[in-house]
Structures are given as C-alpha cells and as structure tokens.
Amino acid sequence: MEREDVVQCRIRYRKALCKDRQAGRRIVYMNETYVNSGHTANKCWQMDTIGMHVPFSKGERLIIVHAGSDQGFVPGASLVFKAHSSIGDYHNEMNSANFQVYIIYFYLLLYII
C-alpha cells in the first residue's frame, strides 16, 4: 500500500495536469539518463533484431538530457555531454546545479528565443 501523503500528491498533480490540458497549455516532460558508448543489448523492443550479446567494453559515458511533449522532442532542447567517469553513479555530474542551468536554458529556448 502507498502512503496517504503520496496518494494525495498524485491526486493533486493529476488534477493540475488535467486543468492545464483543458486550458490548452503545452505539457513538456524532461528527463536525464546516461549511456555507455560500448552499450549493447541482446534484444530490442522496437524490432525482432538480435544485437551483440556481450558488450566488448563499457567505453566512455555520455549523459543525455532532453524534453518532449505529445508533439515529439522539443527542437534544440537536447543536452549531451561526456561524463568524466564511466563507473559509478553519474548524478555527481548531472546534479541539481547542472539541471538548474539546463532548466534556465530550456526556459529561454521555449519562451524568449
């Protein structure tokens, strides 16, 4: 079971989201992740293709940030940069300070530029 405060937060979020949609506001979602340059997968959810089963090396790590909506990715909103380390947690590089810089850039991209 979920905590009551979490349930209430989700209800408030859904109500606000529905209100914004009804008002015709553009809903944009942002996320960040990473990928190693030597990443391989043994199957793909898009096709019945078989890829490499064993990665030959992890290689360099790239950190990726992007934003999109029901209309697709927001043009110019991608941020891809090479991480300093390819091991461990990447959040020391894609941290709140870096994400705030991205948010400010993203705001300028959407509303001013």
PDB file of N, CA and C in Angstrom:
ATOM      1  N   MET A   1       0.831  -1.187   0.000  1.00  0.00           N
ATOM      2  CA  MET A   1       0.000   0.000   0.000  1.00  0.00           C
ATOM      3  C   MET A   1       0.877   1.251   0.000  1.00  0.00           C
ATOM      4  N   GLU A   2       0.341   2.280  -0.574  1.00  0.00           N
ATOM      5  CA  GLU A   2       1.089   3.529  -0.614  1.00  0.00           C
ATOM      6  C   GLU A   2       0.715   4.420   0.565  1.00  0.00           C
ATOM      7  N   ARG A   3       1.664   5.253   0.932  1.00  0.00           N
ATOM      8  CA  ARG A   3       1.393   6.222   1.994  1.00  0.00           C
ATOM      9  C   ARG A   3       0.330   7.204   1.512  1.00  0.00           C
ATOM     10  N   GLU A   4      -0.484   7.638   2.440  1.00  0.00           N
ATOM     11  CA  GLU A   4      -1.579   8.548   2.115  1.00  0.00           C
ATOM     12  C   GLU A   4      -1.066   9.866   1.540  1.00  0.00           C
ATOM     13  N   ASP A   5       0.059  10.400   2.053  1.00  0.00           N
ATOM     14  CA  ASP A   5       0.586  11.665   1.543  1.00  0.00           C
ATOM     15  C   ASP A   5       1.044  11.535   0.090  1.00  0.00           C
ATOM     16  N   VAL A   6       1.568  10.366  -0.279  1.00  0.00           N
ATOM     17  CA  VAL A   6       1.986  10.141  -1.663  1.00  0.00           C
ATOM     18  C   VAL A   6       0.762  10.081  -2.579  1.00  0.00           C
ATOM     19  N   VAL A   7      -0.278   9.389  -2.125  1.00  0.00           N
ATOM     20  CA  VAL A   7      -1.524   9.305  -2.894  1.00  0.00           C
ATOM     21  C   VAL A   7      -2.111  10.698  -3.105  1.00  0.00           C
ATOM     22  N   GLN A   8      -2.129  11.509  -2.058  1.00  0.00           N
ATOM     23  CA  GLN A   8      -2.675  12.865  -2.152  1.00  0.00           C
ATOM     24  C   GLN A   8      -1.860  13.740  -3.108  1.00  0.00           C
ATOM     25  N   CYS A   9      -0.551  13.595  -3.090  1.00  0.00           N
ATOM     26  CA  CYS A   9       0.303  14.346  -4.033  1.00  0.00           C
ATOM     27  C   CYS A   9      -0.012  13.958  -5.464  1.00  0.00           C
ATOM     28  N   ARG A  10      -0.192  12.674  -5.714  1.00  0.00           N
ATOM     29  CA  ARG A  10      -0.506  12.219  -7.065  1.00  0.00           C
ATOM     30  C   ARG A  10      -1.865  12.744  -7.522  1.00  0.00           C
ATOM     31  N   ILE A  11      -2.836  12.771  -6.619  1.00  0.00           N
ATOM     32  CA  ILE A  11      -4.160  13.295  -6.953  1.00  0.00           C
ATOM     33  C   ILE A  11      -4.074  14.774  -7.301  1.00  0.00           C
ATOM     34  N   ARG A  12      -3.331  15.551  -6.486  1.00  0.00           N
ATOM     35  CA  ARG A  12      -3.161  16.990  -6.778  1.00  0.00           C
ATOM     36  C   ARG A  12      -2.469  17.199  -8.117  1.00  0.00           C
ATOM     37  N   TYR A  13      -1.437  16.399  -8.388  1.00  0.00           N
ATOM     38  CA  TYR A  13      -0.713  16.502  -9.660  1.00  0.00           C
ATOM     39  C   TYR A  13      -1.649  16.212 -10.834  1.00  0.00           C
ATOM     40  N   ARG A  14      -2.418  15.127 -10.742  1.00  0.00           N
ATOM     41  CA  ARG A  14      -3.321  14.761 -11.850  1.00  0.00           C
ATOM     42  C   ARG A  14      -4.375  15.846 -12.082  1.00  0.00           C
ATOM     43  N   LYS A  15      -4.897  16.421 -11.014  1.00  0.00           N
ATOM     44  CA  LYS A  15      -5.892  17.488 -11.165  1.00  0.00           C
ATOM     45  C   LYS A  15      -5.281  18.707 -11.844  1.00  0.00           C
ATOM     46  N   ALA A  16      -4.080  19.086 -11.412  1.00  0.00           N
ATOM     47  CA  ALA A  16      -3.399  20.240 -12.022  1.00  0.00           C
ATOM     48  C   ALA A  16      -3.078  19.961 -13.486  1.00  0.00           C
ATOM     49  N   LEU A  17      -2.641  18.745 -13.787  1.00  0.00           N
ATOM     50  CA  LEU A  17      -2.331  18.370 -15.163  1.00  0.00           C
ATOM     51  C   LEU A  17      -3.575  18.443 -16.047  1.00  0.00           C
ATOM     52  N   CYS A  18      -4.688  17.905 -15.563  1.00  0.00           N
ATOM     53  CA  CYS A  18      -5.944  17.964 -16.323  1.00  0.00           C
ATOM     54  C   CYS A  18      -6.387  19.405 -16.551  1.00  0.00           C
ATOM     55  N   LYS A  19      -6.250  20.243 -15.532  1.00  0.00           N
ATOM     56  CA  LYS A  19      -6.620  21.657 -15.641  1.00  0.00           C
ATOM     57  C   LYS A  19      -5.751  22.357 -16.697  1.00  0.00           C
ATOM     58  N   ASP A  20      -4.448  22.088 -16.678  1.00  0.00           N
ATOM     59  CA  ASP A  20      -3.544  22.695 -17.663  1.00  0.00           C
ATOM     60  C   ASP A  20      -3.868  22.213 -19.078  1.00  0.00           C
ATOM     61  N   ARG A  21      -4.175  20.943 -19.224  1.00  0.00           N
ATOM     62  CA  ARG A  21      -4.544  20.416 -20.548  1.00  0.00           C
ATOM     63  C   ARG A  21      -5.818  21.062 -21.056  1.00  0.00           C
ATOM     64  N   GLN A  22      -6.815  21.197 -20.186  1.00  0.00           N
ATOM     65  CA  GLN A  22      -8.079  21.819 -20.583  1.00  0.00           C
ATOM     66  C   GLN A  22      -7.879  23.281 -20.961  1.00  0.00           C
ATOM     67  N   ALA A  23      -6.901  23.939 -20.350  1.00  0.00           N
ATOM     68  CA  ALA A  23      -6.593  25.337 -20.658  1.00  0.00           C
ATOM     69  C   ALA A  23      -5.767  25.459 -21.936  1.00  0.00           C
ATOM     70  N   GLY A  24      -5.393  24.323 -22.526  1.00  0.00           N
ATOM     71  CA  GLY A  24      -4.621  24.341 -23.766  1.00  0.00           C
ATOM     72  C   GLY A  24      -3.142  24.578 -23.571  1.00  0.00           C
ATOM     73  N   ARG A  25      -2.655  24.417 -22.343  1.00  0.00           N
ATOM     74  CA  ARG A  25      -1.231  24.621 -22.083  1.00  0.00           C
ATOM     75  C   ARG A  25      -0.425  23.456 -22.635  1.00  0.00           C
ATOM     76  N   ARG A  26       0.750  23.749 -23.083  1.00  0.00           N
ATOM     77  CA  ARG A  26       1.661  22.729 -23.603  1.00  0.00           C
ATOM     78  C   ARG A  26       2.325  22.010 -22.433  1.00  0.00           C
ATOM     79  N   ILE A  27       2.192  20.715 -22.374  1.00  0.00           N
ATOM     80  CA  ILE A  27       2.798  19.912 -21.313  1.00  0.00           C
ATOM     81  C   ILE A  27       4.100  19.334 -21.860  1.00  0.00           C
ATOM     82  N   VAL A  28       5.200  19.654 -21.194  1.00  0.00           N
ATOM     83  CA  VAL A  28       6.517  19.187 -21.625  1.00  0.00           C
ATOM     84  C   VAL A  28       7.142  18.390 -20.491  1.00  0.00           C
ATOM     85  N   TYR A  29       7.661  17.234 -20.829  1.00  0.00           N
ATOM     86  CA  TYR A  29       8.335  16.379 -19.855  1.00  0.00           C
ATOM     87  C   TYR A  29       9.833  16.405 -20.128  1.00  0.00           C
ATOM     88  N   MET A  30      10.628  16.404 -19.062  1.00  0.00           N
ATOM     89  CA  MET A  30      12.085  16.388 -19.185  1.00  0.00           C
ATOM     90  C   MET A  30      12.624  15.195 -18.414  1.00  0.00           C
ATOM     91  N   ASN A  31      13.735  14.654 -18.904  1.00  0.00           N
ATOM     92  CA  ASN A  31      14.378  13.568 -18.189  1.00  0.00           C
ATOM     93  C   ASN A  31      15.851  13.547 -18.546  1.00  0.00           C
ATOM     94  N   GLU A  32      16.613  12.835 -17.718  1.00  0.00           N
ATOM     95  CA  GLU A  32      18.034  12.673 -17.957  1.00  0.00           C
ATOM     96  C   GLU A  32      18.390  11.215 -17.736  1.00  0.00           C
ATOM     97  N   THR A  33      19.408  10.779 -18.463  1.00  0.00           N
ATOM     98  CA  THR A  33      19.890   9.408 -18.349  1.00  0.00           C
ATOM     99  C   THR A  33      21.335   9.376 -18.815  1.00  0.00           C
ATOM    100  N   TYR A  34      21.890   8.200 -18.886  1.00  0.00           N
ATOM    101  CA  TYR A  34      23.239   8.059 -19.414  1.00  0.00           C
ATOM    102  C   TYR A  34      23.306   6.809 -20.275  1.00  0.00           C
ATOM    103  N   VAL A  35      24.328   6.752 -21.100  1.00  0.00           N
ATOM    104  CA  VAL A  35      24.591   5.561 -21.910  1.00  0.00           C
ATOM    105  C   VAL A  35      26.101   5.438 -22.055  1.00  0.00           C
ATOM    106  N   ASN A  36      26.573   4.224 -21.977  1.00  0.00           N
ATOM    107  CA  ASN A  36      27.987   3.975 -22.239  1.00  0.00           C
ATOM    108  C   ASN A  36      28.177   3.792 -23.734  1.00  0.00           C
ATOM    109  N   SER A  37      29.284   4.293 -24.268  1.00  0.00           N
ATOM    110  CA  SER A  37      29.497   4.230 -25.720  1.00  0.00           C
ATOM    111  C   SER A  37      29.578   2.801 -26.229  1.00  0.00           C
ATOM    112  N   GLY A  38      29.950   1.859 -25.380  1.00  0.00           N
ATOM    113  CA  GLY A  38      30.006   0.465 -25.797  1.00  0.00           C
ATOM    114  C   GLY A  38      28.772  -0.319 -25.417  1.00  0.00           C
ATOM    115  N   HIS A  39      27.668   0.363 -25.153  1.00  0.00           N
ATOM    116  CA  HIS A  39      26.442  -0.303 -24.710  1.00  0.00           C
ATOM    117  C   HIS A  39      25.917  -1.244 -25.789  1.00  0.00           C
ATOM    118  N   THR A  40      25.519  -2.401 -25.370  1.00  0.00           N
ATOM    119  CA  THR A  40      24.885  -3.355 -26.276  1.00  0.00           C
ATOM    120  C   THR A  40      23.649  -3.925 -25.603  1.00  0.00           C
ATOM    121  N   ALA A  41      22.761  -4.476 -26.389  1.00  0.00           N
ATOM    122  CA  ALA A  41      21.556  -5.124 -25.863  1.00  0.00           C
ATOM    123  C   ALA A  41      21.337  -6.413 -26.627  1.00  0.00           C
ATOM    124  N   ASN A  42      20.825  -7.425 -25.942  1.00  0.00           N
ATOM    125  CA  ASN A  42      20.612  -8.690 -26.642  1.00  0.00           C
ATOM    126  C   ASN A  42      19.273  -8.745 -27.340  1.00  0.00           C
ATOM    127  N   LYS A  43      18.411  -7.749 -27.123  1.00  0.00           N
ATOM    128  CA  LYS A  43      17.176  -7.650 -27.888  1.00  0.00           C
ATOM    129  C   LYS A  43      16.706  -6.211 -27.902  1.00  0.00           C
ATOM    130  N   CYS A  44      15.789  -5.912 -28.787  1.00  0.00           N
ATOM    131  CA  CYS A  44      15.309  -4.554 -28.971  1.00  0.00           C
ATOM    132  C   CYS A  44      13.789  -4.572 -28.906  1.00  0.00           C
ATOM    133  N   TRP A  45      13.194  -3.649 -28.211  1.00  0.00           N
ATOM    134  CA  TRP A  45      11.733  -3.625 -28.100  1.00  0.00           C
ATOM    135  C   TRP A  45      11.065  -3.102 -29.365  1.00  0.00           C
ATOM    136  N   GLN A  46      11.847  -2.487 -30.270  1.00  0.00           N
ATOM    137  CA  GLN A  46      11.266  -1.929 -31.488  1.00  0.00           C
ATOM    138  C   GLN A  46      11.244  -2.917 -32.649  1.00  0.00           C
ATOM    139  N   MET A  47      12.171  -3.854 -32.665  1.00  0.00           N
ATOM    140  CA  MET A  47      12.277  -4.787 -33.785  1.00  0.00           C
ATOM    141  C   MET A  47      12.645  -6.163 -33.252  1.00  0.00           C
ATOM    142  N   ASP A  48      12.462  -7.157 -34.086  1.00  0.00           N
ATOM    143  CA  ASP A  48      12.874  -8.510 -33.715  1.00  0.00           C
ATOM    144  C   ASP A  48      14.313  -8.752 -34.142  1.00  0.00           C
ATOM    145  N   THR A  49      15.188  -7.813 -33.848  1.00  0.00           N
ATOM    146  CA  THR A  49      16.598  -7.937 -34.224  1.00  0.00           C
ATOM    147  C   THR A  49      17.406  -8.389 -33.027  1.00  0.00           C
ATOM    148  N   ILE A  50      18.397  -9.144 -33.290  1.00  0.00           N
ATOM    149  CA  ILE A  50      19.287  -9.591 -32.211  1.00  0.00           C
ATOM    150  C   ILE A  50      20.567  -8.786 -32.321  1.00  0.00           C
ATOM    151  N   GLY A  51      20.976  -8.193 -31.220  1.00  0.00           N
ATOM    152  CA  GLY A  51      22.207  -7.417 -31.194  1.00  0.00           C
ATOM    153  C   GLY A  51      23.321  -8.231 -30.575  1.00  0.00           C
ATOM    154  N   MET A  52      24.392  -7.545 -30.218  1.00  0.00           N
ATOM    155  CA  MET A  52      25.508  -8.221 -29.555  1.00  0.00           C
ATOM    156  C   MET A  52      25.063  -8.685 -28.178  1.00  0.00           C
ATOM    157  N   HIS A  53      25.460  -9.874 -27.816  1.00  0.00           N
ATOM    158  CA  HIS A  53      25.052 -10.408 -26.519  1.00  0.00           C
ATOM    159  C   HIS A  53      25.992  -9.989 -25.392  1.00  0.00           C
ATOM    160  N   VAL A  54      27.212  -9.685 -25.720  1.00  0.00           N
ATOM    161  CA  VAL A  54      28.185  -9.335 -24.691  1.00  0.00           C
ATOM    162  C   VAL A  54      28.857  -8.028 -25.090  1.00  0.00           C
ATOM    163  N   PRO A  55      28.810  -7.012 -24.211  1.00  0.00           N
ATOM    164  CA  PRO A  55      29.495  -5.775 -24.560  1.00  0.00           C
ATOM    165  C   PRO A  55      30.998  -5.993 -24.629  1.00  0.00           C
ATOM    166  N   PHE A  56      31.606  -5.382 -25.647  1.00  0.00           N
ATOM    167  CA  PHE A  56      33.063  -5.536 -25.773  1.00  0.00           C
ATOM    168  C   PHE A  56      33.787  -4.626 -24.800  1.00  0.00           C
ATOM    169  N   SER A  57      33.143  -3.537 -24.377  1.00  0.00           N
ATOM    170  CA  SER A  57      33.742  -2.622 -23.403  1.00  0.00           C
ATOM    171  C   SER A  57      32.699  -1.589 -23.048  1.00  0.00           C
ATOM    172  N   LYS A  58      32.754  -1.075 -21.836  1.00  0.00           N
ATOM    173  CA  LYS A  58      31.807  -0.027 -21.460  1.00  0.00           C
ATOM    174  C   LYS A  58      32.114   1.271 -22.189  1.00  0.00           C
ATOM    175  N   GLY A  59      33.364   1.607 -22.339  1.00  0.00           N
ATOM    176  CA  GLY A  59      33.745   2.822 -23.050  1.00  0.00           C
ATOM    177  C   GLY A  59      33.388   4.084 -22.296  1.00  0.00           C
ATOM    178  N   GLU A  60      33.350   5.180 -23.006  1.00  0.00           N
ATOM    179  CA  GLU A  60      33.027   6.471 -22.409  1.00  0.00           C
ATOM    180  C   GLU A  60      31.543   6.527 -22.063  1.00  0.00           C
ATOM    181  N   ARG A  61      31.221   7.363 -21.097  1.00  0.00           N
ATOM    182  CA  ARG A  61      29.823   7.530 -20.695  1.00  0.00           C
ATOM    183  C   ARG A  61      29.335   8.889 -21.171  1.00  0.00           C
ATOM    184  N   LEU A  62      28.167   8.892 -21.786  1.00  0.00           N
ATOM    185  CA  LEU A  62      27.522  10.129 -22.206  1.00  0.00           C
ATOM    186  C   LEU A  62      26.305  10.360 -21.329  1.00  0.00           C
ATOM    187  N   ILE A  63      26.114  11.590 -20.892  1.00  0.00           N
ATOM    188  CA  ILE A  63      24.941  11.974 -20.130  1.00  0.00           C
ATOM    189  C   ILE A  63      24.003  12.708 -21.084  1.00  0.00           C
ATOM    190  N   ILE A  64      22.734  12.336 -21.046  1.00  0.00           N
ATOM    191  CA  ILE A  64      21.750  12.844 -22.004  1.00  0.00           C
ATOM    192  C   ILE A  64      20.579  13.461 -21.250  1.00  0.00           C
ATOM    193  N   VAL A  65      20.218  14.675 -21.649  1.00  0.00           N
ATOM    194  CA  VAL A  65      19.042  15.356 -21.109  1.00  0.00           C
ATOM    195  C   VAL A  65      18.215  15.805 -22.302  1.00  0.00           C
ATOM    196  N   HIS A  66      16.901  15.618 -22.224  1.00  0.00           N
ATOM    197  CA  HIS A  66      16.046  16.060 -23.331  1.00  0.00           C
ATOM    198  C   HIS A  66      14.643  16.346 -22.812  1.00  0.00           C
ATOM    199  N   ALA A  67      13.855  16.973 -23.643  1.00  0.00           N
ATOM    200  CA  ALA A  67      12.480  17.323 -23.294  1.00  0.00           C
ATOM    201  C   ALA A  67      11.578  17.023 -24.477  1.00  0.00           C
ATOM    202  N   GLY A  68      10.365  16.624 -24.183  1.00  0.00           N
ATOM    203  CA  GLY A  68       9.422  16.320 -25.246  1.00  0.00           C
ATOM    204  C   GLY A  68       7.993  16.436 -24.769  1.00  0.00           C
ATOM    205  N   SER A  69       7.092  16.401 -25.731  1.00  0.00           N
ATOM    206  CA  SER A  69       5.658  16.503 -25.441  1.00  0.00           C
ATOM    207  C   SER A  69       4.921  15.555 -26.374  1.00  0.00           C
ATOM    208  N   ASP A  70       3.615  15.697 -26.426  1.00  0.00           N
ATOM    209  CA  ASP A  70       2.834  14.866 -27.341  1.00  0.00           C
ATOM    210  C   ASP A  70       3.136  15.210 -28.805  1.00  0.00           C
ATOM    211  N   GLN A  71       3.859  16.299 -29.023  1.00  0.00           N
ATOM    212  CA  GLN A  71       4.237  16.707 -30.375  1.00  0.00           C
ATOM    213  C   GLN A  71       5.645  16.253 -30.740  1.00  0.00           C
ATOM    214  N   GLY A  72       6.290  15.484 -29.857  1.00  0.00           N
ATOM    215  CA  GLY A  72       7.647  14.992 -30.108  1.00  0.00           C
ATOM    216  C   GLY A  72       8.668  15.728 -29.266  1.00  0.00           C
ATOM    217  N   PHE A  73       9.942  15.475 -29.559  1.00  0.00           N
ATOM    218  CA  PHE A  73      11.007  16.146 -28.832  1.00  0.00           C
ATOM    219  C   PHE A  73      11.008  17.639 -29.143  1.00  0.00           C
ATOM    220  N   VAL A  74      11.376  18.442 -28.166  1.00  0.00           N
ATOM    221  CA  VAL A  74      11.466  19.891 -28.344  1.00  0.00           C
ATOM    222  C   VAL A  74      12.758  20.183 -29.105  1.00  0.00           C
ATOM    223  N   PRO A  75      12.657  20.818 -30.286  1.00  0.00           N
ATOM    224  CA  PRO A  75      13.868  21.109 -31.061  1.00  0.00           C
ATOM    225  C   PRO A  75      14.841  21.978 -30.272  1.00  0.00           C
ATOM    226  N   GLY A  76      16.105  21.594 -30.281  1.00  0.00           N
ATOM    227  CA  GLY A  76      17.145  22.360 -29.616  1.00  0.00           C
ATOM    228  C   GLY A  76      17.253  22.119 -28.117  1.00  0.00           C
ATOM    229  N   ALA A  77      16.422  21.241 -27.567  1.00  0.00           N
ATOM    230  CA  ALA A  77      16.405  21.053 -26.113  1.00  0.00           C
ATOM    231  C   ALA A  77      17.299  19.910 -25.639  1.00  0.00           C
ATOM    232  N   SER A  78      18.023  19.289 -26.536  1.00  0.00           N
ATOM    233  CA  SER A  78      18.868  18.178 -26.102  1.00  0.00           C
ATOM    234  C   SER A  78      20.187  18.693 -25.531  1.00  0.00           C
ATOM    235  N   LEU A  79      20.637  17.998 -24.527  1.00  0.00           N
ATOM    236  CA  LEU A  79      21.937  18.271 -23.925  1.00  0.00           C
ATOM    237  C   LEU A  79      22.628  16.924 -23.795  1.00  0.00           C
ATOM    238  N   VAL A  80      23.765  16.765 -24.454  1.00  0.00           N
ATOM    239  CA  VAL A  80      24.540  15.531 -24.383  1.00  0.00           C
ATOM    240  C   VAL A  80      25.973  15.936 -24.077  1.00  0.00           C
ATOM    241  N   PHE A  81      26.528  15.355 -23.018  1.00  0.00           N
ATOM    242  CA  PHE A  81      27.915  15.677 -22.706  1.00  0.00           C
ATOM    243  C   PHE A  81      28.629  14.455 -22.159  1.00  0.00           C
ATOM    244  N   LYS A  82      29.937  14.453 -22.346  1.00  0.00           N
ATOM    245  CA  LYS A  82      30.771  13.339 -21.905  1.00  0.00           C
ATOM    246  C   LYS A  82      31.011  13.442 -20.403  1.00  0.00           C
ATOM    247  N   ALA A  83      30.748  12.337 -19.723  1.00  0.00           N
ATOM    248  CA  ALA A  83      30.993  12.288 -18.285  1.00  0.00           C
ATOM    249  C   ALA A  83      32.489  12.139 -18.031  1.00  0.00           C
ATOM    250  N   HIS A  84      32.916  12.598 -16.883  1.00  0.00           N
ATOM    251  CA  HIS A  84      34.328  12.462 -16.531  1.00  0.00           C
ATOM    252  C   HIS A  84      34.669  11.040 -16.100  1.00  0.00           C
ATOM    253  N   SER A  85      33.667  10.296 -15.658  1.00  0.00           N
ATOM    254  CA  SER A  85      33.899   8.936 -15.182  1.00  0.00           C
ATOM    255  C   SER A  85      32.910   7.996 -15.861  1.00  0.00           C
ATOM    256  N   SER A  86      33.340   6.773 -16.130  1.00  0.00           N
ATOM    257  CA  SER A  86      32.435   5.801 -16.745  1.00  0.00           C
ATOM    258  C   SER A  86      32.029   4.716 -15.755  1.00  0.00           C
ATOM    259  N   ILE A  87      32.318   4.942 -14.488  1.00  0.00           N
ATOM    260  CA  ILE A  87      31.916   3.981 -13.467  1.00  0.00           C
ATOM    261  C   ILE A  87      31.154   4.697 -12.360  1.00  0.00           C
ATOM    262  N   GLY A  88      30.356   3.960 -11.631  1.00  0.00           N
ATOM    263  CA  GLY A  88      29.627   4.532 -10.506  1.00  0.00           C
ATOM    264  C   GLY A  88      28.436   5.360 -10.934  1.00  0.00           C
ATOM    265  N   ASP A  89      27.891   6.086 -10.003  1.00  0.00           N
ATOM    266  CA  ASP A  89      26.701   6.900 -10.215  1.00  0.00           C
ATOM    267  C   ASP A  89      27.062   8.167 -10.990  1.00  0.00           C
ATOM    268  N   TYR A  90      26.274   8.497 -11.985  1.00  0.00           N
ATOM    269  CA  TYR A  90      26.550   9.679 -12.809  1.00  0.00           C
ATOM    270  C   TYR A  90      25.932  10.946 -12.222  1.00  0.00           C
ATOM    271  N   HIS A  91      25.185  10.844 -11.148  1.00  0.00           N
ATOM    272  CA  HIS A  91      24.494  12.011 -10.608  1.00  0.00           C
ATOM    273  C   HIS A  91      25.416  13.050  -9.985  1.00  0.00           C
ATOM    274  N   ASN A  92      26.677  12.700  -9.752  1.00  0.00           N
ATOM    275  CA  ASN A  92      27.595  13.733  -9.279  1.00  0.00           C
ATOM    276  C   ASN A  92      27.921  14.717 -10.400  1.00  0.00           C
ATOM    277  N   GLU A  93      27.716  14.313 -11.657  1.00  0.00           N
ATOM    278  CA  GLU A  93      27.943  15.217 -12.790  1.00  0.00           C
ATOM    279  C   GLU A  93      26.640  15.824 -13.304  1.00  0.00           C
ATOM    280  N   MET A  94      25.576  15.032 -13.368  1.00  0.00           N
ATOM    281  CA  MET A  94      24.260  15.578 -13.739  1.00  0.00           C
ATOM    282  C   MET A  94      23.505  15.782 -12.431  1.00  0.00           C
ATOM    283  N   ASN A  95      23.923  16.814 -11.706  1.00  0.00           N
ATOM    284  CA  ASN A  95      23.377  17.083 -10.382  1.00  0.00           C
ATOM    285  C   ASN A  95      22.356  18.226 -10.451  1.00  0.00           C
ATOM    286  N   SER A  96      21.876  18.642  -9.319  1.00  0.00           N
ATOM    287  CA  SER A  96      20.839  19.676  -9.303  1.00  0.00           C
ATOM    288  C   SER A  96      21.342  21.005  -9.881  1.00  0.00           C
ATOM    289  N   ALA A  97      22.599  21.350  -9.646  1.00  0.00           N
ATOM    290  CA  ALA A  97      23.136  22.609 -10.186  1.00  0.00           C
ATOM    291  C   ALA A  97      23.164  22.567 -11.719  1.00  0.00           C
ATOM    292  N   ASN A  98      23.640  21.471 -12.288  1.00  0.00           N
ATOM    293  CA  ASN A  98      23.662  21.333 -13.748  1.00  0.00           C
ATOM    294  C   ASN A  98      22.251  21.295 -14.323  1.00  0.00           C
ATOM    295  N   PHE A  99      21.346  20.626 -13.617  1.00  0.00           N
ATOM    296  CA  PHE A  99      19.970  20.543 -14.106  1.00  0.00           C
ATOM    297  C   PHE A  99      19.300  21.915 -14.068  1.00  0.00           C
ATOM    298  N   GLN A 100      19.600  22.728 -13.052  1.00  0.00           N
ATOM    299  CA  GLN A 100      19.038  24.080 -12.981  1.00  0.00           C
ATOM    300  C   GLN A 100      19.533  24.936 -14.144  1.00  0.00           C
ATOM    301  N   VAL A 101      20.799  24.803 -14.513  1.00  0.00           N
ATOM    302  CA  VAL A 101      21.328  25.522 -15.673  1.00  0.00           C
ATOM    303  C   VAL A 101      20.575  25.094 -16.931  1.00  0.00           C
ATOM    304  N   TYR A 102      20.329  23.784 -17.067  1.00  0.00           N
ATOM    305  CA  TYR A 102      19.574  23.275 -18.215  1.00  0.00           C
ATOM    306  C   TYR A 102      18.156  23.840 -18.216  1.00  0.00           C
ATOM    307  N   ILE A 103      17.509  23.886 -17.071  1.00  0.00           N
ATOM    308  CA  ILE A 103      16.140  24.401 -16.982  1.00  0.00           C
ATOM    309  C   ILE A 103      16.087  25.861 -17.422  1.00  0.00           C
ATOM    310  N   ILE A 104      17.045  26.659 -16.989  1.00  0.00           N
ATOM    311  CA  ILE A 104      17.082  28.072 -17.388  1.00  0.00           C
ATOM    312  C   ILE A 104      17.266  28.178 -18.900  1.00  0.00           C
ATOM    313  N   TYR A 105      18.190  27.403 -19.457  1.00  0.00           N
ATOM    314  CA  TYR A 105      18.394  27.388 -20.909  1.00  0.00           C
ATOM    315  C   TYR A 105      17.115  26.964 -21.615  1.00  0.00           C
ATOM    316  N   PHE A 106      16.483  25.919 -21.109  1.00  0.00           N
ATOM    317  CA  PHE A 106      15.266  25.390 -21.711  1.00  0.00           C
ATOM    318  C   PHE A 106      14.163  26.444 -21.691  1.00  0.00           C
ATOM    319  N   TYR A 107      14.016  27.150 -20.571  1.00  0.00           N
ATOM    320  CA  TYR A 107      13.017  28.218 -20.463  1.00  0.00           C
ATOM    321  C   TYR A 107      13.280  29.293 -21.513  1.00  0.00           C
ATOM    322  N   LEU A 108      14.533  29.695 -21.628  1.00  0.00           N
ATOM    323  CA  LEU A 108      14.885  30.707 -22.639  1.00  0.00           C
ATOM    324  C   LEU A 108      14.567  30.202 -24.035  1.00  0.00           C
ATOM    325  N   LEU A 109      14.852  28.949 -24.297  1.00  0.00           N
ATOM    326  CA  LEU A 109      14.592  28.342 -25.605  1.00  0.00           C
ATOM    327  C   LEU A 109      13.112  28.379 -25.936  1.00  0.00           C
ATOM    328  N   LEU A 110      12.273  28.025 -24.965  1.00  0.00           N
ATOM    329  CA  LEU A 110      10.831  27.947 -25.212  1.00  0.00           C
ATOM    330  C   LEU A 110      10.151  29.300 -25.280  1.00  0.00           C
ATOM    331  N   TYR A 111      10.547  30.234 -24.409  1.00  0.00           N
ATOM    332  CA  TYR A 111       9.754  31.437 -24.243  1.00  0.00           C
ATOM    333  C   TYR A 111      10.374  32.729 -24.729  1.00  0.00           C
ATOM    334  N   ILE A 112      11.674  32.735 -24.910  1.00  0.00           N
ATOM    335  CA  ILE A 112      12.294  34.008 -25.282  1.00  0.00           C
ATOM    336  C   ILE A 112      12.897  33.952 -26.683  1.00  0.00           C
ATOM    337  N   ILE A 113      13.573  32.866 -26.980  1.00  0.00           N
ATOM    338  CA  ILE A 113      14.252  32.766 -28.271  1.00  0.00           C
ATOM    339  C   ILE A 113      13.246  32.567 -29.378  1.00  0.00           C
TER     340      ILE A 113
END
